[in-house]
Amino acid sequence: MKALRVLALMHDYLVPPDDTDGVDVVNVPWKMEFDVVSHLEHIGHQVRKVGVKDDLAVIRQAIADGKPQIVFNLMESFGEVGVFDQHVVSFLELMKTPYTGCNPRGLMLARDKALARSLLAYHRVRVPEFAVVRRGQVPRRQRRLTFPLIVKSLTEEASIGTSQASVVEDDAALRERVTFVHQSIGTDAIVERYIEGRELYVAVLGNFRLRVFPVWEMNFARMPDRSYKIASERVKWNDAYRERHGIMTGPADLPPDLARHIQHICKRVFRTLNLSGYARIDLRLDAEGRAYVLEANPNPQLAFGEDFAEAAEHDGVHYEELLQRILGLGLRWRPELAG
């Protein structure tokens, strides 16, 4: 690929400094942004970093000034509102500027866990039974929802608000946790059947032709026996907690036929939800070998050494090549031909 003018779009508080001498870049909040920008520059691209808070004029001006050939989109929200991430991409499409990652429709469908699961269930993809409790409503458990249940935010990602207390075993705990989601996170809640089993992730790359990387697994080696083995907010973002409980991720040890079946499911999820660019599909595998899709995560964590990049590396796609492929997919995406 020839050198490109790339506009790296990121949150204003995650813009890495130009000079990182003496900085431990492995343990900074802006590691993903630094990894993407520095590796793109290393392979010859001209990269301009632009931090955005809640003003689209910043993006418009950056495009007008730099005339980028593509935007590398690292935004996960806009104005700290998660469901607004799709509008940033819509704006780029209206500006007729190519971008990396998922299109607006895919972002919208995947963000709403209930909407995504309804679509998947319609297409005969196995998902846990669930119900939505809107803000202001009191949860009334349906008979088909048997304990234990897990309560999450309907629209927030990155396990925000998810903890051991999210798994509930009686109606009183259910009401308490739904109230927590409504009041502390400020979103509707989704209540779903808790699937006891293995936590699996599958990285998918592509627009219409898809590359599915090896199935990845989160292992909970030293979790206390009475703890639920879930990817809580602390598990995902607290290094000391993961180290203390022996929590790590790596290739899943699965029979080849089962691994291929799970990869096939993930292709179906990607296409059903109209995703593009790259995504990570999260699943649970129960003791009978049944895979349940929990959610799809378009534009997942892309830092060097994180699960998506590690799965690609395990399959022979090195980090800089991965970034090149993501750029190529963005350049080839045509919004007017989608769906």
Protein backbone atom coordinates (compact mmCIF):
# COMPACT_ATOMS: atom_id res chain seq x y z
CA MET A 1 0.00 0.00 0.00
CA LYS A 2 1.30 3.44 -0.87
CA ALA A 3 1.78 6.04 1.85
CA LEU A 4 -1.45 7.78 2.80
CA ARG A 5 -2.49 11.00 4.50
CA VAL A 6 -4.30 9.64 7.56
CA LEU A 7 -6.40 11.63 10.01
CA ALA A 8 -6.41 9.74 13.32
CA LEU A 9 -9.64 10.70 15.06
CA MET A 10 -9.68 10.12 18.83
CA HIS A 11 -11.11 11.42 22.09
CA ASP A 12 -9.53 14.70 23.18
CA TYR A 13 -8.31 13.18 26.47
CA LEU A 14 -6.63 10.25 24.72
CA VAL A 15 -4.35 12.12 22.32
CA PRO A 16 -0.82 10.80 22.90
CA PRO A 17 1.94 13.40 23.29
CA ASP A 18 4.40 13.96 20.46
CA ASP A 19 7.31 13.20 22.79
CA THR A 20 6.97 9.99 24.81
CA ASP A 21 10.56 9.76 26.05
CA GLY A 22 10.54 8.52 29.64
CA VAL A 23 6.88 7.53 29.46
CA ASP A 24 5.79 3.95 30.14
CA VAL A 25 3.52 3.69 27.09
CA VAL A 26 2.39 0.20 28.11
CA ASN A 27 0.43 1.57 31.08
CA VAL A 28 -1.15 4.77 29.79
CA PRO A 29 -4.84 5.34 29.00
CA TRP A 30 -3.93 6.32 25.43
CA LYS A 31 -1.98 3.14 24.62
CA MET A 32 -4.26 2.12 21.74
CA GLU A 33 -4.08 5.56 20.17
CA PHE A 34 -0.30 5.62 20.55
CA ASP A 35 0.11 2.12 19.11
CA VAL A 36 -2.03 2.85 16.08
CA VAL A 37 -0.46 6.22 15.30
CA SER A 38 3.16 5.20 15.91
CA HIS A 39 2.90 2.01 13.86
CA LEU A 40 1.14 3.78 10.99
CA GLU A 41 3.93 6.34 10.96
CA HIS A 42 6.55 3.60 11.12
CA ILE A 43 5.23 2.05 7.89
CA GLY A 44 5.34 5.39 6.13
CA HIS A 45 1.92 6.97 6.47
CA GLN A 46 1.56 10.67 7.22
CA VAL A 47 -0.62 10.76 10.34
CA ARG A 48 -2.30 13.77 11.92
CA LYS A 49 -3.82 13.29 15.40
CA VAL A 50 -7.05 15.14 16.13
CA GLY A 51 -8.78 15.05 19.50
CA VAL A 52 -12.56 15.51 19.58
CA LYS A 53 -14.89 16.26 22.48
CA ASP A 54 -18.35 17.42 21.41
CA ASP A 55 -17.82 19.65 18.37
CA LEU A 56 -18.13 18.31 14.83
CA ALA A 57 -16.55 21.51 13.52
CA VAL A 58 -13.19 20.18 14.73
CA ILE A 59 -13.55 17.21 12.38
CA ARG A 60 -14.75 19.34 9.48
CA GLN A 61 -11.82 21.72 9.88
CA ALA A 62 -9.28 18.92 10.15
CA ILE A 63 -10.57 17.38 6.92
CA ALA A 64 -10.54 20.75 5.17
CA ASP A 65 -7.00 21.56 6.34
CA GLY A 66 -5.33 18.18 5.91
CA LYS A 67 -7.36 16.67 3.06
CA PRO A 68 -6.84 13.14 4.42
CA GLN A 69 -7.25 10.18 2.14
CA ILE A 70 -8.78 8.26 5.04
CA VAL A 71 -9.80 8.77 8.67
CA PHE A 72 -8.64 6.17 11.18
CA ASN A 73 -11.63 6.26 13.52
CA LEU A 74 -10.77 5.62 17.18
CA MET A 75 -13.88 7.32 18.62
CA GLU A 76 -16.11 5.23 20.91
CA SER A 77 -18.60 7.98 21.73
CA PHE A 78 -19.27 11.66 21.10
CA GLY A 79 -19.71 14.15 23.89
CA GLU A 80 -19.37 11.16 26.27
CA VAL A 81 -22.58 9.64 24.89
CA GLY A 82 -21.89 6.09 23.70
CA VAL A 83 -24.83 5.80 21.30
CA PHE A 84 -23.57 8.87 19.43
CA ASP A 85 -20.58 7.00 18.00
CA GLN A 86 -22.62 6.16 14.91
CA HIS A 87 -23.25 9.86 14.21
CA VAL A 88 -19.53 10.60 13.94
CA VAL A 89 -19.24 8.00 11.19
CA SER A 90 -22.41 9.29 9.52
CA PHE A 91 -20.82 12.73 9.44
CA LEU A 92 -17.71 11.31 7.77
CA GLU A 93 -19.92 9.66 5.15
CA LEU A 94 -21.72 12.95 4.50
CA MET A 95 -18.28 14.57 4.13
CA LYS A 96 -17.49 11.83 1.57
CA THR A 97 -14.37 10.92 3.55
CA PRO A 98 -13.31 7.25 3.78
CA TYR A 99 -12.90 5.90 7.30
CA THR A 100 -11.83 2.75 9.09
CA GLY A 101 -14.02 0.46 11.11
CA CYS A 102 -17.74 -0.07 11.23
CA ASN A 103 -20.46 1.76 9.33
CA PRO A 104 -23.29 3.68 11.09
CA ARG A 105 -25.95 1.00 10.60
CA GLY A 106 -23.75 -1.72 12.07
CA LEU A 107 -22.82 0.48 15.03
CA MET A 108 -26.49 1.18 15.74
CA LEU A 109 -27.59 -2.46 15.51
CA ALA A 110 -24.73 -3.80 17.62
CA ARG A 111 -24.90 -1.10 20.29
CA ASP A 112 -28.46 -2.00 21.37
CA LYS A 113 -28.03 -5.48 22.86
CA ALA A 114 -31.74 -6.27 22.71
CA LEU A 115 -32.12 -5.19 19.10
CA ALA A 116 -29.02 -7.17 18.11
CA ARG A 117 -30.24 -10.31 19.89
CA SER A 118 -33.69 -10.05 18.38
CA LEU A 119 -32.17 -9.95 14.91
CA LEU A 120 -29.82 -12.82 15.67
CA ALA A 121 -32.58 -14.95 17.17
CA TYR A 122 -34.70 -14.33 14.07
CA HIS A 123 -31.81 -15.68 11.99
CA ARG A 124 -31.54 -18.74 14.25
CA VAL A 125 -28.36 -17.71 16.03
CA ARG A 126 -28.49 -18.93 19.63
CA VAL A 127 -28.64 -16.11 22.21
CA PRO A 128 -29.59 -16.17 25.90
CA GLU A 129 -33.23 -15.49 26.77
CA PHE A 130 -33.55 -11.84 27.79
CA ALA A 131 -35.84 -8.98 28.72
CA VAL A 132 -35.39 -5.21 28.72
CA VAL A 133 -36.28 -3.03 31.69
CA ARG A 134 -36.61 0.61 30.67
CA ARG A 135 -35.62 3.40 33.02
CA GLY A 136 -38.44 4.06 35.44
CA GLN A 137 -39.83 0.54 35.14
CA VAL A 138 -39.78 -2.02 37.92
CA PRO A 139 -38.51 -5.42 36.78
CA ARG A 140 -41.17 -8.11 36.62
CA ARG A 141 -39.43 -11.36 35.88
CA GLN A 142 -41.01 -13.50 33.21
CA ARG A 143 -41.34 -17.22 33.89
CA ARG A 144 -38.99 -18.12 31.05
CA LEU A 145 -36.19 -16.20 32.79
CA THR A 146 -34.87 -18.51 35.47
CA PHE A 147 -32.12 -17.70 37.96
CA PRO A 148 -29.29 -17.06 37.90
CA LEU A 149 -29.68 -13.98 35.69
CA ILE A 150 -27.19 -11.30 34.74
CA VAL A 151 -28.09 -7.60 34.55
CA LYS A 152 -26.21 -5.22 32.23
CA SER A 153 -26.54 -1.84 30.62
CA LEU A 154 -28.53 -2.12 27.41
CA THR A 155 -26.20 0.12 25.40
CA GLU A 156 -22.91 0.68 27.22
CA GLU A 157 -19.86 -1.32 26.15
CA ALA A 158 -16.53 -2.37 27.71
CA SER A 159 -18.35 -4.10 30.60
CA ILE A 160 -19.19 -0.73 32.15
CA GLY A 161 -21.14 -1.38 35.35
CA THR A 162 -20.66 -5.15 35.19
CA SER A 163 -19.41 -6.82 38.37
CA GLN A 164 -19.95 -9.95 40.44
CA ALA A 165 -23.10 -8.26 41.78
CA SER A 166 -24.48 -8.20 38.21
CA VAL A 167 -25.30 -11.92 38.51
CA VAL A 168 -28.44 -12.23 40.63
CA GLU A 169 -30.16 -15.25 42.16
CA ASP A 170 -33.45 -13.89 43.49
CA ASP A 171 -36.02 -11.20 42.72
CA ALA A 172 -34.80 -8.81 45.42
CA ALA A 173 -31.26 -8.81 43.99
CA LEU A 174 -32.69 -8.43 40.50
CA ARG A 175 -34.59 -5.28 41.48
CA GLU A 176 -31.54 -3.88 43.23
CA ARG A 177 -29.24 -4.42 40.25
CA VAL A 178 -31.69 -3.02 37.72
CA THR A 179 -31.99 0.08 39.88
CA PHE A 180 -28.20 0.36 39.91
CA VAL A 181 -28.03 0.28 36.11
CA HIS A 182 -30.83 2.84 35.80
CA GLN A 183 -29.44 5.26 38.36
CA SER A 184 -25.65 4.80 38.29
CA ILE A 185 -25.10 4.11 34.59
CA GLY A 186 -28.13 6.05 33.37
CA THR A 187 -29.32 3.58 30.74
CA ASP A 188 -32.00 0.98 30.28
CA ALA A 189 -31.12 -2.48 31.60
CA ILE A 190 -31.04 -5.84 29.88
CA VAL A 191 -31.71 -8.93 31.99
CA GLU A 192 -30.59 -12.23 30.51
CA ARG A 193 -30.14 -15.85 31.50
CA TYR A 194 -26.66 -16.36 32.86
CA ILE A 195 -24.84 -19.00 30.80
CA GLU A 196 -22.44 -21.04 32.91
CA GLY A 197 -19.48 -21.93 30.73
CA ARG A 198 -16.39 -20.74 28.89
CA GLU A 199 -15.89 -17.12 27.80
CA LEU A 200 -14.92 -16.96 24.13
CA TYR A 201 -14.01 -14.16 21.73
CA VAL A 202 -13.69 -14.23 17.96
CA ALA A 203 -12.03 -11.47 15.93
CA VAL A 204 -13.48 -10.86 12.46
CA LEU A 205 -11.94 -8.71 9.74
CA GLY A 206 -13.58 -7.67 6.48
CA ASN A 207 -16.47 -5.97 4.71
CA PHE A 208 -18.15 -8.58 2.53
CA ARG A 209 -15.40 -11.20 2.35
CA LEU A 210 -14.52 -12.05 5.94
CA ARG A 211 -11.37 -13.29 7.64
CA VAL A 212 -12.10 -14.98 10.96
CA PHE A 213 -9.19 -15.35 13.36
CA PRO A 214 -8.72 -18.24 15.83
CA VAL A 215 -11.18 -18.55 18.70
CA TRP A 216 -9.82 -16.84 21.80
CA GLU A 217 -10.68 -17.64 25.41
CA MET A 218 -10.57 -15.82 28.71
CA ASN A 219 -9.31 -18.22 31.39
CA PHE A 220 -10.12 -17.70 35.07
CA ALA A 221 -7.38 -19.83 36.63
CA ARG A 222 -7.54 -18.71 40.27
CA MET A 223 -10.98 -17.20 40.66
CA PRO A 224 -12.61 -18.19 43.97
CA ASP A 225 -15.00 -21.13 43.61
CA ARG A 226 -18.04 -19.08 44.52
CA SER A 227 -17.23 -16.29 42.06
CA TYR A 228 -18.89 -16.06 38.69
CA LYS A 229 -16.42 -16.33 35.84
CA ILE A 230 -17.47 -13.24 33.89
CA ALA A 231 -15.62 -10.50 32.05
CA SER A 232 -16.52 -7.79 34.55
CA GLU A 233 -15.33 -4.20 34.39
CA ARG A 234 -12.60 -5.02 36.89
CA VAL A 235 -11.49 -8.09 34.91
CA LYS A 236 -11.19 -6.04 31.72
CA TRP A 237 -9.47 -2.96 33.08
CA ASN A 238 -7.65 -3.82 36.33
CA ASP A 239 -4.26 -5.42 35.65
CA ALA A 240 -3.59 -6.15 39.33
CA TYR A 241 -6.95 -7.94 39.70
CA ARG A 242 -6.28 -10.09 36.62
CA GLU A 243 -2.83 -11.01 37.87
CA ARG A 244 -4.10 -11.85 41.37
CA HIS A 245 -6.75 -14.22 40.03
CA GLY A 246 -4.74 -15.69 37.16
CA ILE A 247 -7.05 -14.26 34.51
CA MET A 248 -5.55 -14.37 31.04
CA THR A 249 -6.58 -14.76 27.42
CA GLY A 250 -5.21 -16.96 24.68
CA PRO A 251 -6.12 -19.48 21.98
CA ALA A 252 -9.08 -21.64 22.97
CA ASP A 253 -8.41 -25.37 23.23
CA LEU A 254 -11.34 -26.67 21.18
CA PRO A 255 -11.95 -29.61 18.84
CA PRO A 256 -11.36 -28.39 15.25
CA ASP A 257 -14.96 -29.00 14.20
CA LEU A 258 -16.31 -27.00 17.13
CA ALA A 259 -13.86 -24.16 16.50
CA ARG A 260 -14.93 -23.97 12.85
CA HIS A 261 -18.60 -24.04 13.89
CA ILE A 262 -18.05 -21.10 16.25
CA GLN A 263 -16.17 -19.17 13.58
CA HIS A 264 -19.05 -19.80 11.16
CA ILE A 265 -21.52 -18.47 13.75
CA CYS A 266 -19.44 -15.32 14.07
CA LYS A 267 -19.50 -14.74 10.31
CA ARG A 268 -23.29 -14.99 10.46
CA VAL A 269 -23.39 -12.48 13.33
CA PHE A 270 -21.15 -10.05 11.43
CA ARG A 271 -23.36 -10.19 8.35
CA THR A 272 -26.69 -10.20 10.17
CA LEU A 273 -25.79 -7.00 12.02
CA ASN A 274 -24.42 -5.32 8.86
CA LEU A 275 -20.98 -4.86 10.39
CA SER A 276 -17.95 -3.77 8.40
CA GLY A 277 -14.23 -3.24 8.94
CA TYR A 278 -13.45 -5.25 12.06
CA ALA A 279 -15.30 -6.55 15.09
CA ARG A 280 -15.04 -8.93 18.04
CA ILE A 281 -17.87 -11.36 18.78
CA ASP A 282 -18.31 -12.44 22.41
CA LEU A 283 -19.77 -15.86 23.20
CA ARG A 284 -20.30 -18.34 26.03
CA LEU A 285 -19.85 -22.07 25.51
CA ASP A 286 -21.85 -24.25 27.91
CA ALA A 287 -20.97 -27.72 29.17
CA GLU A 288 -22.97 -29.35 26.35
CA GLY A 289 -20.92 -27.53 23.70
CA ARG A 290 -23.65 -25.04 22.78
CA ALA A 291 -22.37 -21.59 21.83
CA TYR A 292 -24.44 -18.56 22.84
CA VAL A 293 -23.69 -15.18 21.29
CA LEU A 294 -23.59 -12.48 23.96
CA GLU A 295 -22.80 -9.44 21.85
CA ALA A 296 -20.93 -8.04 18.89
CA ASN A 297 -18.34 -5.32 19.39
CA PRO A 298 -17.57 -3.28 16.28
CA ASN A 299 -14.32 -1.28 16.43
CA PRO A 300 -12.98 -3.21 19.45
CA GLN A 301 -9.79 -2.48 21.41
CA LEU A 302 -6.99 -2.38 18.83
CA ALA A 303 -3.88 -1.85 20.94
CA PHE A 304 -0.79 -3.94 20.26
CA GLY A 305 -0.85 -7.00 22.54
CA GLU A 306 -4.61 -6.91 23.15
CA ASP A 307 -6.93 -9.75 22.16
CA PHE A 308 -7.80 -8.65 18.63
CA ALA A 309 -4.20 -7.99 17.62
CA GLU A 310 -3.01 -11.14 19.41
CA ALA A 311 -5.54 -13.34 17.62
CA ALA A 312 -4.46 -11.86 14.29
CA GLU A 313 -0.79 -12.38 15.17
CA HIS A 314 -1.53 -16.00 16.08
CA ASP A 315 -3.00 -16.42 12.60
CA GLY A 316 0.04 -14.91 10.87
CA VAL A 317 -1.13 -11.30 10.51
CA HIS A 318 1.39 -9.03 12.25
CA TYR A 319 0.24 -5.79 13.85
CA GLU A 320 1.38 -3.41 11.13
CA GLU A 321 -0.12 -5.65 8.45
CA LEU A 322 -3.36 -5.69 10.45
CA LEU A 323 -3.47 -1.89 10.45
CA GLN A 324 -2.76 -1.87 6.71
CA ARG A 325 -5.64 -4.25 6.10
CA ILE A 326 -7.98 -2.12 8.19
CA LEU A 327 -6.98 0.91 6.12
CA GLY A 328 -7.59 -1.03 2.93
CA LEU A 329 -11.05 -2.12 4.07
CA GLY A 330 -11.91 1.50 4.85
CA LEU A 331 -10.76 2.68 1.43
CA ARG A 332 -12.85 -0.01 -0.29
CA TRP A 333 -16.03 0.52 1.75
CA ARG A 334 -18.83 2.14 -0.24
CA PRO A 335 -21.74 3.32 1.96
CA GLU A 336 -24.09 3.60 -1.00
CA LEU A 337 -23.64 -0.13 -1.75
CA ALA A 338 -24.19 -1.34 1.80
CA GLY A 339 -27.30 -3.28 2.76
